[in-house]
Amino acid sequence: MPWGLRKTVSILFLSLFCLPFCYADINLPTPQMKDGMSLFESLKKRVSTPGGGFPAGQVTDDELSTVLWAASGLNRGKTGWTVPMSKGKAPYVRIYVASEKGTFLYEWDGHFLREINNQDIRGDIGQQSFTKRAAYSLIFVSDANALSDIKPDEVTNFSYTAVGAMSQNVYLAAAALKLSARYIHSIKSEAISQALQLPKDDVPLGMILLGK
């Protein structure tokens, strides 16, 4: 077999072999950090969108980027977060993003989405049928490894405190961007753990639906 043909066949073979294992990470646009709606107007417009009428419209990459940054973003140097953090640590609640394109982990360091799988799990992770209509489901998961030096009986309190702050930030950013949002506590934890391939001690805590 000629060398050129062997090279082409080798490349095609490697491409086919790697296909199931290659990940489609998504680089997010720079989040909006100025202008827009005032804080007090956002507070006035902040609302949980009724589940029965939750919209099925698309959310842009720019809007998603801004909402995710608002949830836990660095806003003061290297340790100043928009949510309370223990001992100046990085967020110990991770945000996973479920969409029609697949499931991703939001990586605050680098501000991008790391693909977990290419499956649409939106209809499988909430107790309510309308969860599948949301453009995105932001899933909050406690990071047990990040809390290894905190007393086990305090981990839940720390985690839910962070989720509360993250959720409020998401609501305010959604209001400013004129998006729909709804916090869901009735989730299918086991299904989420399996779909996200979570480590044993990481716990799904809740999620926010995001739509337009």
N, C-alpha and C. Protein backbone atom coordinates (compact mmCIF):
# COMPACT_ATOMS: atom_id res chain seq x y z
N MET A 1 0.85 -1.20 0.00
CA MET A 1 0.00 0.00 0.00
C MET A 1 0.88 1.24 0.00
N PRO A 2 0.62 2.19 -0.93
CA PRO A 2 1.42 3.43 -0.98
C PRO A 2 1.39 4.16 0.35
N TRP A 3 2.50 4.87 0.64
CA TRP A 3 2.62 5.55 1.94
C TRP A 3 1.50 6.55 2.16
N GLY A 4 1.16 7.34 1.13
CA GLY A 4 0.12 8.35 1.27
C GLY A 4 -1.23 7.74 1.60
N LEU A 5 -1.53 6.59 0.96
CA LEU A 5 -2.80 5.93 1.22
C LEU A 5 -2.82 5.35 2.63
N ARG A 6 -1.67 4.76 3.06
CA ARG A 6 -1.58 4.22 4.41
C ARG A 6 -1.82 5.31 5.45
N LYS A 7 -1.26 6.51 5.21
CA LYS A 7 -1.44 7.63 6.13
C LYS A 7 -2.90 8.04 6.23
N THR A 8 -3.57 8.10 5.06
CA THR A 8 -4.98 8.49 5.05
C THR A 8 -5.83 7.48 5.80
N VAL A 9 -5.57 6.18 5.55
CA VAL A 9 -6.33 5.13 6.23
C VAL A 9 -6.10 5.19 7.73
N SER A 10 -4.84 5.45 8.14
CA SER A 10 -4.52 5.52 9.56
C SER A 10 -5.27 6.66 10.24
N ILE A 11 -5.31 7.81 9.58
CA ILE A 11 -6.01 8.97 10.15
C ILE A 11 -7.50 8.68 10.30
N LEU A 12 -8.10 8.07 9.24
CA LEU A 12 -9.51 7.75 9.30
C LEU A 12 -9.80 6.74 10.41
N PHE A 13 -8.92 5.76 10.55
CA PHE A 13 -9.09 4.74 11.59
C PHE A 13 -9.04 5.36 12.98
N LEU A 14 -8.05 6.22 13.19
CA LEU A 14 -7.92 6.86 14.50
C LEU A 14 -9.11 7.75 14.81
N SER A 15 -9.62 8.43 13.77
CA SER A 15 -10.77 9.31 13.97
C SER A 15 -11.99 8.52 14.40
N LEU A 16 -12.21 7.37 13.73
CA LEU A 16 -13.35 6.53 14.08
C LEU A 16 -13.18 5.92 15.46
N PHE A 17 -11.96 5.55 15.80
CA PHE A 17 -11.68 4.95 17.11
C PHE A 17 -11.91 5.93 18.23
N CYS A 18 -11.54 7.20 18.02
CA CYS A 18 -11.62 8.21 19.08
C CYS A 18 -13.00 8.82 19.22
N LEU A 19 -13.84 8.64 18.20
CA LEU A 19 -15.12 9.35 18.16
C LEU A 19 -15.93 9.21 19.44
N PRO A 20 -16.11 8.00 19.99
CA PRO A 20 -16.93 7.88 21.20
C PRO A 20 -16.30 8.51 22.43
N PHE A 21 -14.97 8.75 22.36
CA PHE A 21 -14.28 9.22 23.55
C PHE A 21 -13.93 10.71 23.48
N CYS A 22 -14.16 11.33 22.33
CA CYS A 22 -13.82 12.74 22.18
C CYS A 22 -14.94 13.59 22.77
N TYR A 23 -14.58 14.67 23.40
CA TYR A 23 -15.56 15.52 24.05
C TYR A 23 -15.67 16.87 23.34
N ALA A 24 -16.88 17.39 23.32
CA ALA A 24 -17.14 18.66 22.64
C ALA A 24 -17.31 19.75 23.69
N ASP A 25 -16.21 20.19 24.28
CA ASP A 25 -16.28 21.27 25.25
C ASP A 25 -16.71 22.55 24.55
N ILE A 26 -17.34 23.45 25.30
CA ILE A 26 -17.86 24.69 24.73
C ILE A 26 -17.24 25.88 25.44
N ASN A 27 -16.55 26.72 24.71
CA ASN A 27 -16.02 27.97 25.26
C ASN A 27 -17.14 29.00 25.29
N LEU A 28 -17.38 29.57 26.45
CA LEU A 28 -18.46 30.53 26.60
C LEU A 28 -17.99 31.94 26.27
N PRO A 29 -18.89 32.78 25.75
CA PRO A 29 -18.54 34.18 25.50
C PRO A 29 -18.25 34.90 26.81
N THR A 30 -17.60 36.06 26.71
CA THR A 30 -17.35 36.87 27.89
C THR A 30 -18.69 37.30 28.51
N PRO A 31 -18.90 37.08 29.79
CA PRO A 31 -20.18 37.43 30.41
C PRO A 31 -20.37 38.94 30.51
N GLN A 32 -21.61 39.35 30.52
CA GLN A 32 -21.93 40.77 30.69
C GLN A 32 -21.71 41.16 32.15
N MET A 33 -20.93 42.23 32.37
CA MET A 33 -20.64 42.65 33.74
C MET A 33 -20.93 44.14 33.97
N LYS A 34 -21.54 44.78 33.02
CA LYS A 34 -21.87 46.19 33.19
C LYS A 34 -23.09 46.53 32.35
N ASP A 35 -23.62 47.72 32.59
CA ASP A 35 -24.83 48.20 31.91
C ASP A 35 -26.01 47.29 32.26
N GLY A 36 -27.04 47.34 31.45
CA GLY A 36 -28.20 46.50 31.70
C GLY A 36 -29.10 47.03 32.80
N MET A 37 -30.00 46.19 33.28
CA MET A 37 -31.00 46.53 34.28
C MET A 37 -30.34 46.79 35.64
N SER A 38 -30.90 47.72 36.40
CA SER A 38 -30.36 48.01 37.72
C SER A 38 -30.69 46.89 38.69
N LEU A 39 -29.92 46.83 39.78
CA LEU A 39 -30.13 45.80 40.79
C LEU A 39 -31.55 45.86 41.35
N PHE A 40 -32.02 47.05 41.68
CA PHE A 40 -33.33 47.16 42.31
C PHE A 40 -34.45 46.83 41.35
N GLU A 41 -34.26 47.12 40.07
CA GLU A 41 -35.26 46.74 39.09
C GLU A 41 -35.26 45.22 38.92
N SER A 42 -34.07 44.60 38.96
CA SER A 42 -33.98 43.15 38.89
C SER A 42 -34.69 42.50 40.07
N LEU A 43 -34.49 43.07 41.26
CA LEU A 43 -35.17 42.55 42.44
C LEU A 43 -36.69 42.64 42.30
N LYS A 44 -37.13 43.74 41.72
CA LYS A 44 -38.57 43.94 41.53
C LYS A 44 -39.14 42.94 40.54
N LYS A 45 -38.37 42.59 39.52
CA LYS A 45 -38.85 41.70 38.46
C LYS A 45 -38.52 40.23 38.72
N ARG A 46 -37.75 39.96 39.78
CA ARG A 46 -37.36 38.58 40.08
C ARG A 46 -38.59 37.75 40.40
N VAL A 47 -38.74 36.60 39.72
CA VAL A 47 -39.93 35.78 39.89
C VAL A 47 -39.63 34.35 39.47
N SER A 48 -40.33 33.39 40.07
CA SER A 48 -40.28 32.00 39.62
C SER A 48 -41.36 31.81 38.57
N THR A 49 -40.95 31.46 37.36
CA THR A 49 -41.91 31.26 36.28
C THR A 49 -42.76 30.02 36.56
N PRO A 50 -44.08 30.11 36.45
CA PRO A 50 -44.94 28.95 36.71
C PRO A 50 -44.54 27.76 35.84
N GLY A 51 -44.53 26.59 36.44
CA GLY A 51 -44.11 25.40 35.72
C GLY A 51 -44.99 25.08 34.53
N GLY A 52 -46.31 25.21 34.71
CA GLY A 52 -47.23 24.87 33.63
C GLY A 52 -47.05 25.70 32.39
N GLY A 53 -46.57 26.92 32.56
CA GLY A 53 -46.38 27.79 31.41
C GLY A 53 -44.93 28.06 31.11
N PHE A 54 -44.04 27.17 31.57
CA PHE A 54 -42.62 27.43 31.35
C PHE A 54 -42.31 27.42 29.86
N PRO A 55 -41.65 28.47 29.35
CA PRO A 55 -41.42 28.60 27.92
C PRO A 55 -40.39 27.62 27.38
N ALA A 56 -40.49 27.34 26.08
CA ALA A 56 -39.58 26.39 25.44
C ALA A 56 -38.64 27.09 24.47
N GLY A 57 -38.55 28.44 24.57
CA GLY A 57 -37.66 29.18 23.68
C GLY A 57 -36.19 28.98 23.99
N GLN A 58 -35.34 29.36 23.05
CA GLN A 58 -33.90 29.18 23.17
C GLN A 58 -33.25 30.32 23.97
N VAL A 59 -32.22 29.97 24.70
CA VAL A 59 -31.40 30.93 25.43
C VAL A 59 -30.06 31.04 24.70
N THR A 60 -29.59 32.25 24.44
CA THR A 60 -28.36 32.42 23.68
C THR A 60 -27.13 32.05 24.51
N ASP A 61 -26.02 31.82 23.82
CA ASP A 61 -24.76 31.53 24.52
C ASP A 61 -24.34 32.70 25.39
N ASP A 62 -24.58 33.92 24.91
CA ASP A 62 -24.23 35.11 25.70
C ASP A 62 -25.04 35.16 26.99
N GLU A 63 -26.31 34.85 26.90
CA GLU A 63 -27.18 34.87 28.09
C GLU A 63 -26.79 33.77 29.07
N LEU A 64 -26.54 32.58 28.55
CA LEU A 64 -26.12 31.47 29.41
C LEU A 64 -24.80 31.80 30.09
N SER A 65 -23.88 32.37 29.36
CA SER A 65 -22.58 32.75 29.90
C SER A 65 -22.73 33.70 31.07
N THR A 66 -23.57 34.70 30.92
CA THR A 66 -23.77 35.70 31.97
C THR A 66 -24.43 35.08 33.20
N VAL A 67 -25.42 34.23 32.99
CA VAL A 67 -26.11 33.58 34.12
C VAL A 67 -25.15 32.69 34.90
N LEU A 68 -24.33 31.91 34.19
CA LEU A 68 -23.39 31.01 34.87
C LEU A 68 -22.34 31.80 35.64
N TRP A 69 -21.85 32.88 35.04
CA TRP A 69 -20.86 33.70 35.77
C TRP A 69 -21.51 34.30 37.02
N ALA A 70 -22.73 34.79 36.88
CA ALA A 70 -23.42 35.40 38.03
C ALA A 70 -23.58 34.39 39.16
N ALA A 71 -23.76 33.11 38.81
CA ALA A 71 -24.02 32.10 39.82
C ALA A 71 -22.89 31.96 40.83
N SER A 72 -21.65 32.06 40.37
CA SER A 72 -20.54 31.86 41.31
C SER A 72 -19.27 32.60 40.92
N GLY A 73 -19.35 33.54 39.99
CA GLY A 73 -18.18 34.13 39.37
C GLY A 73 -17.25 34.91 40.28
N LEU A 74 -15.98 34.93 39.88
CA LEU A 74 -15.00 35.77 40.56
C LEU A 74 -15.26 37.23 40.20
N ASN A 75 -15.45 38.06 41.21
CA ASN A 75 -15.67 39.47 40.92
C ASN A 75 -14.71 40.39 41.68
N ARG A 76 -13.81 39.78 42.50
CA ARG A 76 -12.84 40.58 43.25
C ARG A 76 -11.53 39.80 43.32
N GLY A 77 -10.66 40.03 42.36
CA GLY A 77 -9.36 39.37 42.38
C GLY A 77 -9.46 37.87 42.22
N LYS A 78 -8.64 37.12 42.99
CA LYS A 78 -8.57 35.67 42.83
C LYS A 78 -9.41 34.90 43.84
N THR A 79 -9.93 35.58 44.86
CA THR A 79 -10.69 34.86 45.88
C THR A 79 -12.02 35.53 46.22
N GLY A 80 -12.40 36.54 45.47
CA GLY A 80 -13.66 37.23 45.76
C GLY A 80 -14.78 36.70 44.90
N TRP A 81 -15.64 35.91 45.50
CA TRP A 81 -16.73 35.26 44.76
C TRP A 81 -18.04 36.00 44.96
N THR A 82 -18.97 35.79 44.02
CA THR A 82 -20.29 36.40 44.15
C THR A 82 -21.18 35.63 45.12
N VAL A 83 -20.68 34.53 45.68
CA VAL A 83 -21.42 33.77 46.68
C VAL A 83 -20.50 33.48 47.86
N PRO A 84 -21.06 33.22 49.05
CA PRO A 84 -20.21 32.95 50.22
C PRO A 84 -19.44 31.65 50.06
N MET A 85 -18.15 31.70 50.39
CA MET A 85 -17.30 30.52 50.28
C MET A 85 -16.51 30.33 51.57
N SER A 86 -16.34 29.11 52.00
CA SER A 86 -15.62 28.81 53.22
C SER A 86 -14.12 28.95 53.03
N LYS A 87 -13.49 29.73 53.90
CA LYS A 87 -12.03 29.87 53.92
C LYS A 87 -11.46 30.35 52.58
N GLY A 88 -12.24 31.12 51.85
CA GLY A 88 -11.76 31.67 50.58
C GLY A 88 -11.55 30.65 49.49
N LYS A 89 -12.16 29.48 49.64
CA LYS A 89 -11.98 28.42 48.65
C LYS A 89 -12.77 28.70 47.38
N ALA A 90 -12.42 27.93 46.36
CA ALA A 90 -13.23 27.95 45.15
C ALA A 90 -14.59 27.32 45.46
N PRO A 91 -15.60 27.53 44.60
CA PRO A 91 -16.95 27.00 44.88
C PRO A 91 -16.95 25.51 45.20
N TYR A 92 -17.62 25.15 46.30
CA TYR A 92 -17.72 23.74 46.67
C TYR A 92 -19.08 23.18 46.30
N VAL A 93 -19.83 23.92 45.51
CA VAL A 93 -21.01 23.40 44.84
C VAL A 93 -20.78 23.60 43.35
N ARG A 94 -20.83 22.51 42.61
CA ARG A 94 -20.59 22.58 41.17
C ARG A 94 -21.91 22.74 40.43
N ILE A 95 -21.83 23.34 39.26
CA ILE A 95 -23.01 23.55 38.43
C ILE A 95 -22.87 22.73 37.15
N TYR A 96 -23.80 21.82 36.96
CA TYR A 96 -23.87 21.06 35.72
C TYR A 96 -24.98 21.65 34.86
N VAL A 97 -24.82 21.57 33.55
CA VAL A 97 -25.77 22.16 32.62
C VAL A 97 -26.32 21.08 31.70
N ALA A 98 -27.63 20.87 31.75
CA ALA A 98 -28.29 19.90 30.88
C ALA A 98 -29.01 20.64 29.77
N SER A 99 -28.81 20.19 28.53
CA SER A 99 -29.42 20.83 27.37
C SER A 99 -29.70 19.79 26.30
N GLU A 100 -30.29 20.24 25.20
CA GLU A 100 -30.55 19.31 24.10
C GLU A 100 -29.26 18.83 23.44
N LYS A 101 -28.18 19.58 23.62
CA LYS A 101 -26.90 19.21 23.02
C LYS A 101 -26.12 18.20 23.85
N GLY A 102 -26.51 18.05 25.12
CA GLY A 102 -25.80 17.14 26.00
C GLY A 102 -25.73 17.69 27.40
N THR A 103 -24.88 17.09 28.20
CA THR A 103 -24.72 17.47 29.60
C THR A 103 -23.29 17.93 29.85
N PHE A 104 -23.14 19.04 30.57
CA PHE A 104 -21.84 19.66 30.74
C PHE A 104 -21.60 20.05 32.20
N LEU A 105 -20.34 20.18 32.55
CA LEU A 105 -19.94 20.74 33.84
C LEU A 105 -19.42 22.15 33.58
N TYR A 106 -19.97 23.12 34.31
CA TYR A 106 -19.47 24.49 34.18
C TYR A 106 -18.14 24.61 34.92
N GLU A 107 -17.09 24.93 34.17
CA GLU A 107 -15.77 25.12 34.75
C GLU A 107 -15.55 26.62 34.94
N TRP A 108 -15.66 27.07 36.20
CA TRP A 108 -15.51 28.50 36.46
C TRP A 108 -14.09 28.97 36.12
N ASP A 109 -13.10 28.09 36.31
CA ASP A 109 -11.72 28.43 35.98
C ASP A 109 -11.52 28.20 34.49
N GLY A 110 -11.64 29.26 33.71
CA GLY A 110 -11.59 29.15 32.27
C GLY A 110 -12.92 29.50 31.63
N HIS A 111 -13.99 29.51 32.44
CA HIS A 111 -15.32 29.90 31.98
C HIS A 111 -15.71 29.15 30.70
N PHE A 112 -15.85 27.84 30.84
CA PHE A 112 -16.28 27.03 29.70
C PHE A 112 -17.09 25.85 30.21
N LEU A 113 -17.74 25.15 29.28
CA LEU A 113 -18.52 23.98 29.60
C LEU A 113 -17.76 22.73 29.18
N ARG A 114 -17.52 21.83 30.12
CA ARG A 114 -16.83 20.57 29.82
C ARG A 114 -17.88 19.48 29.64
N GLU A 115 -17.87 18.87 28.49
CA GLU A 115 -18.89 17.87 28.17
C GLU A 115 -18.75 16.63 29.04
N ILE A 116 -19.87 16.19 29.61
CA ILE A 116 -19.94 14.94 30.35
C ILE A 116 -20.43 13.83 29.44
N ASN A 117 -21.47 14.14 28.67
CA ASN A 117 -21.99 13.22 27.67
C ASN A 117 -22.79 14.01 26.64
N ASN A 118 -23.21 13.34 25.58
CA ASN A 118 -23.99 14.02 24.54
C ASN A 118 -25.46 13.65 24.60
N GLN A 119 -25.94 13.31 25.79
CA GLN A 119 -27.33 12.90 25.97
C GLN A 119 -28.18 14.06 26.49
N ASP A 120 -29.41 14.10 26.05
CA ASP A 120 -30.38 15.08 26.55
C ASP A 120 -31.12 14.45 27.73
N ILE A 121 -30.78 14.86 28.94
CA ILE A 121 -31.36 14.25 30.14
C ILE A 121 -32.43 15.12 30.78
N ARG A 122 -32.79 16.22 30.14
CA ARG A 122 -33.69 17.19 30.77
C ARG A 122 -35.01 16.58 31.21
N GLY A 123 -35.53 15.62 30.46
CA GLY A 123 -36.82 15.02 30.79
C GLY A 123 -36.74 13.91 31.81
N ASP A 124 -35.52 13.58 32.25
CA ASP A 124 -35.32 12.43 33.14
C ASP A 124 -34.89 12.80 34.55
N ILE A 125 -34.69 14.09 34.83
CA ILE A 125 -34.03 14.45 36.09
C ILE A 125 -34.93 15.19 37.07
N GLY A 126 -36.12 15.57 36.65
CA GLY A 126 -37.05 16.27 37.53
C GLY A 126 -38.33 15.49 37.73
N GLN A 127 -39.00 15.72 38.85
CA GLN A 127 -40.27 15.03 39.13
C GLN A 127 -41.40 15.58 38.26
N GLN A 128 -41.24 16.81 37.77
CA GLN A 128 -42.29 17.45 37.00
C GLN A 128 -42.04 17.29 35.50
N SER A 129 -43.10 17.10 34.73
CA SER A 129 -42.97 16.86 33.29
C SER A 129 -42.48 18.09 32.53
N PHE A 130 -42.75 19.28 33.08
CA PHE A 130 -42.39 20.49 32.33
C PHE A 130 -40.89 20.78 32.33
N THR A 131 -40.11 20.05 33.15
CA THR A 131 -38.67 20.33 33.19
C THR A 131 -38.00 20.10 31.84
N LYS A 132 -38.56 19.23 31.02
CA LYS A 132 -37.93 18.94 29.73
C LYS A 132 -38.09 20.07 28.73
N ARG A 133 -38.98 21.04 29.02
CA ARG A 133 -39.19 22.14 28.09
C ARG A 133 -38.15 23.24 28.23
N ALA A 134 -37.49 23.31 29.37
CA ALA A 134 -36.52 24.39 29.60
C ALA A 134 -35.33 24.24 28.66
N ALA A 135 -34.84 25.36 28.17
CA ALA A 135 -33.67 25.32 27.30
C ALA A 135 -32.47 24.73 28.04
N TYR A 136 -32.34 25.09 29.31
CA TYR A 136 -31.25 24.58 30.14
C TYR A 136 -31.75 24.26 31.54
N SER A 137 -31.18 23.21 32.11
CA SER A 137 -31.37 22.92 33.53
C SER A 137 -30.00 23.05 34.19
N LEU A 138 -29.90 23.96 35.15
CA LEU A 138 -28.65 24.14 35.89
C LEU A 138 -28.76 23.30 37.16
N ILE A 139 -27.92 22.29 37.28
CA ILE A 139 -28.02 21.32 38.37
C ILE A 139 -26.92 21.60 39.39
N PHE A 140 -27.32 21.80 40.65
CA PHE A 140 -26.36 22.09 41.72
C PHE A 140 -25.97 20.78 42.42
N VAL A 141 -24.66 20.55 42.52
CA VAL A 141 -24.15 19.31 43.10
C VAL A 141 -23.06 19.65 44.11
N SER A 142 -23.16 19.09 45.32
CA SER A 142 -22.12 19.32 46.33
C SER A 142 -20.85 18.59 45.93
N ASP A 143 -19.72 19.23 46.16
CA ASP A 143 -18.41 18.65 45.84
C ASP A 143 -17.77 18.15 47.13
N ALA A 144 -17.92 16.86 47.41
CA ALA A 144 -17.44 16.29 48.67
C ALA A 144 -15.93 16.45 48.83
N ASN A 145 -15.20 16.35 47.74
CA ASN A 145 -13.74 16.46 47.81
C ASN A 145 -13.32 17.85 48.26
N ALA A 146 -14.04 18.86 47.82
CA ALA A 146 -13.70 20.24 48.19
C ALA A 146 -14.02 20.54 49.64
N LEU A 147 -14.88 19.72 50.24
CA LEU A 147 -15.29 19.93 51.63
C LEU A 147 -14.69 18.89 52.57
N SER A 148 -13.59 18.29 52.17
CA SER A 148 -13.01 17.19 52.94
C SER A 148 -12.51 17.62 54.32
N ASP A 149 -12.20 18.92 54.50
CA ASP A 149 -11.70 19.37 55.80
C ASP A 149 -12.79 20.01 56.66
N ILE A 150 -14.04 19.84 56.25
CA ILE A 150 -15.18 20.36 57.01
C ILE A 150 -15.89 19.19 57.67
N LYS A 151 -16.36 19.39 58.89
CA LYS A 151 -17.04 18.32 59.61
C LYS A 151 -18.22 17.79 58.79
N PRO A 152 -18.35 16.45 58.71
CA PRO A 152 -19.41 15.84 57.89
C PRO A 152 -20.81 16.38 58.20
N ASP A 153 -21.09 16.65 59.49
CA ASP A 153 -22.43 17.11 59.83
C ASP A 153 -22.67 18.57 59.42
N GLU A 154 -21.62 19.26 58.99
CA GLU A 154 -21.75 20.65 58.55
C GLU A 154 -21.77 20.79 57.03
N VAL A 155 -21.43 19.71 56.33
CA VAL A 155 -21.33 19.77 54.88
C VAL A 155 -22.64 20.19 54.23
N THR A 156 -23.75 19.60 54.68
CA THR A 156 -25.05 19.92 54.10
C THR A 156 -25.38 21.40 54.27
N ASN A 157 -25.15 21.95 55.46
CA ASN A 157 -25.43 23.36 55.69
C ASN A 157 -24.59 24.25 54.78
N PHE A 158 -23.30 23.97 54.69
CA PHE A 158 -22.43 24.74 53.81
C PHE A 158 -22.93 24.68 52.37
N SER A 159 -23.27 23.49 51.92
CA SER A 159 -23.67 23.29 50.52
C SER A 159 -24.96 24.01 50.19
N TYR A 160 -25.98 23.87 51.06
CA TYR A 160 -27.26 24.51 50.77
C TYR A 160 -27.18 26.03 50.91
N THR A 161 -26.29 26.52 51.76
CA THR A 161 -26.09 27.97 51.83
C THR A 161 -25.56 28.49 50.50
N ALA A 162 -24.60 27.77 49.93
CA ALA A 162 -24.05 28.16 48.63
C ALA A 162 -25.11 28.07 47.54
N VAL A 163 -25.91 27.00 47.56
CA VAL A 163 -26.97 26.84 46.56
C VAL A 163 -27.98 27.98 46.65
N GLY A 164 -28.33 28.38 47.87
CA GLY A 164 -29.27 29.49 48.03
C GLY A 164 -28.74 30.77 47.41
N ALA A 165 -27.46 31.07 47.67
CA ALA A 165 -26.86 32.28 47.11
C ALA A 165 -26.73 32.18 45.60
N MET A 166 -26.31 31.02 45.10
CA MET A 166 -26.18 30.82 43.65
C MET A 166 -27.53 30.98 42.97
N SER A 167 -28.56 30.40 43.58
CA SER A 167 -29.91 30.47 43.00
C SER A 167 -30.40 31.91 42.92
N GLN A 168 -30.18 32.67 43.98
CA GLN A 168 -30.60 34.07 43.97
C GLN A 168 -29.88 34.85 42.88
N ASN A 169 -28.59 34.59 42.73
CA ASN A 169 -27.83 35.25 41.67
C ASN A 169 -28.37 34.90 40.29
N VAL A 170 -28.71 33.63 40.11
CA VAL A 170 -29.28 33.20 38.82
C VAL A 170 -30.61 33.90 38.57
N TYR A 171 -31.45 33.97 39.61
CA TYR A 171 -32.74 34.65 39.45
C TYR A 171 -32.57 36.11 39.05
N LEU A 172 -31.63 36.80 39.71
CA LEU A 172 -31.44 38.23 39.41
C LEU A 172 -30.86 38.43 38.02
N ALA A 173 -29.91 37.57 37.64
CA ALA A 173 -29.35 37.68 36.29
C ALA A 173 -30.41 37.37 35.24
N ALA A 174 -31.25 36.36 35.51
CA ALA A 174 -32.31 36.01 34.58
C ALA A 174 -33.31 37.16 34.44
N ALA A 175 -33.64 37.81 35.55
CA ALA A 175 -34.56 38.95 35.48
C ALA A 175 -33.96 40.07 34.65
N ALA A 176 -32.67 40.34 34.86
CA ALA A 176 -32.01 41.42 34.11
C ALA A 176 -31.95 41.12 32.62
N LEU A 177 -31.85 39.83 32.28
CA LEU A 177 -31.76 39.43 30.87
C LEU A 177 -33.12 39.08 30.28
N LYS A 178 -34.17 39.23 31.08
CA LYS A 178 -35.54 38.93 30.66
C LYS A 178 -35.70 37.46 30.29
N LEU A 179 -35.12 36.60 31.10
CA LEU A 179 -35.24 35.17 30.93
C LEU A 179 -36.19 34.61 31.99
N SER A 180 -36.67 33.41 31.75
CA SER A 180 -37.52 32.72 32.72
C SER A 180 -36.65 31.79 33.56
N ALA A 181 -36.95 31.69 34.85
CA ALA A 181 -36.19 30.82 35.75
C ALA A 181 -37.13 30.23 36.78
N ARG A 182 -36.80 29.01 37.21
CA ARG A 182 -37.60 28.37 38.26
C ARG A 182 -36.73 27.37 39.01
N TYR A 183 -36.63 27.52 40.32
CA TYR A 183 -35.87 26.57 41.13
C TYR A 183 -36.71 25.33 41.38
N ILE A 184 -36.08 24.16 41.23
CA ILE A 184 -36.76 22.87 41.42
C ILE A 184 -36.02 22.09 42.50
N HIS A 185 -36.73 21.75 43.56
CA HIS A 185 -36.12 20.93 44.62
C HIS A 185 -36.49 19.45 44.46
N SER A 186 -37.61 19.19 43.81
CA SER A 186 -38.07 17.81 43.61
C SER A 186 -37.36 17.21 42.39
N ILE A 187 -36.16 16.70 42.64
CA ILE A 187 -35.34 16.16 41.56
C ILE A 187 -35.18 14.66 41.73
N LYS A 188 -34.76 14.00 40.66
CA LYS A 188 -34.48 12.56 40.69
C LYS A 188 -32.98 12.39 40.93
N SER A 189 -32.62 12.35 42.19
CA SER A 189 -31.20 12.37 42.56
C SER A 189 -30.42 11.19 41.98
N GLU A 190 -31.00 10.02 42.05
CA GLU A 190 -30.29 8.83 41.56
C GLU A 190 -30.06 8.91 40.06
N ALA A 191 -31.09 9.35 39.32
CA ALA A 191 -30.95 9.48 37.87
C ALA A 191 -29.90 10.52 37.51
N ILE A 192 -29.87 11.61 38.28
CA ILE A 192 -28.87 12.65 38.05
C ILE A 192 -27.47 12.13 38.32
N SER A 193 -27.29 11.44 39.42
CA SER A 193 -25.98 10.90 39.77
C SER A 193 -25.46 9.96 38.69
N GLN A 194 -26.33 9.15 38.15
CA GLN A 194 -25.93 8.22 37.10
C GLN A 194 -25.60 8.96 35.80
N ALA A 195 -26.45 9.90 35.42
CA ALA A 195 -26.26 10.62 34.17
C ALA A 195 -24.99 11.48 34.19
N LEU A 196 -24.69 12.06 35.36
CA LEU A 196 -23.53 12.94 35.48
C LEU A 196 -22.26 12.19 35.89
N GLN A 197 -22.40 10.88 36.12
CA GLN A 197 -21.26 10.06 36.53
C GLN A 197 -20.58 10.66 37.77
N LEU A 198 -21.41 10.97 38.78
CA LEU A 198 -20.91 11.66 39.96
C LEU A 198 -20.10 10.72 40.86
N PRO A 199 -19.07 11.26 41.49
CA PRO A 199 -18.36 10.48 42.52
C PRO A 199 -19.33 10.07 43.62
N LYS A 200 -18.99 9.06 44.36
CA LYS A 200 -19.88 8.43 45.34
C LYS A 200 -20.50 9.42 46.32
N ASP A 201 -19.70 10.34 46.88
CA ASP A 201 -20.18 11.20 47.96
C ASP A 201 -20.71 12.56 47.48
N ASP A 202 -20.71 12.80 46.18
CA ASP A 202 -21.27 14.04 45.66
C ASP A 202 -22.80 13.92 45.59
N VAL A 203 -23.50 14.97 46.02
CA VAL A 203 -24.96 14.88 46.15
C VAL A 203 -25.66 15.96 45.32
N PRO A 204 -26.60 15.57 44.44
CA PRO A 204 -27.43 16.57 43.75
C PRO A 204 -28.33 17.26 44.76
N LEU A 205 -28.38 18.60 44.72
CA LEU A 205 -29.12 19.35 45.73
C LEU A 205 -30.37 20.02 45.19
N GLY A 206 -30.39 20.33 43.92
CA GLY A 206 -31.52 21.03 43.32
C GLY A 206 -31.12 21.51 41.95
N MET A 207 -32.05 22.17 41.27
CA MET A 207 -31.70 22.71 39.94
C MET A 207 -32.59 23.90 39.61
N ILE A 208 -32.12 24.68 38.68
CA ILE A 208 -32.87 25.83 38.18
C ILE A 208 -33.12 25.65 36.69
N LEU A 209 -34.37 25.78 36.29
CA LEU A 209 -34.71 25.76 34.87
C LEU A 209 -34.49 27.16 34.30
N LEU A 210 -33.98 27.19 33.09
CA LEU A 210 -33.70 28.46 32.43
C LEU A 210 -34.32 28.42 31.04
N GLY A 211 -35.14 29.43 30.72
CA GLY A 211 -35.79 29.46 29.43
C GLY A 211 -36.05 30.87 28.96
N LYS A 212 -36.77 30.98 27.86
CA LYS A 212 -37.01 32.31 27.27
C LYS A 212 -38.33 32.31 26.53
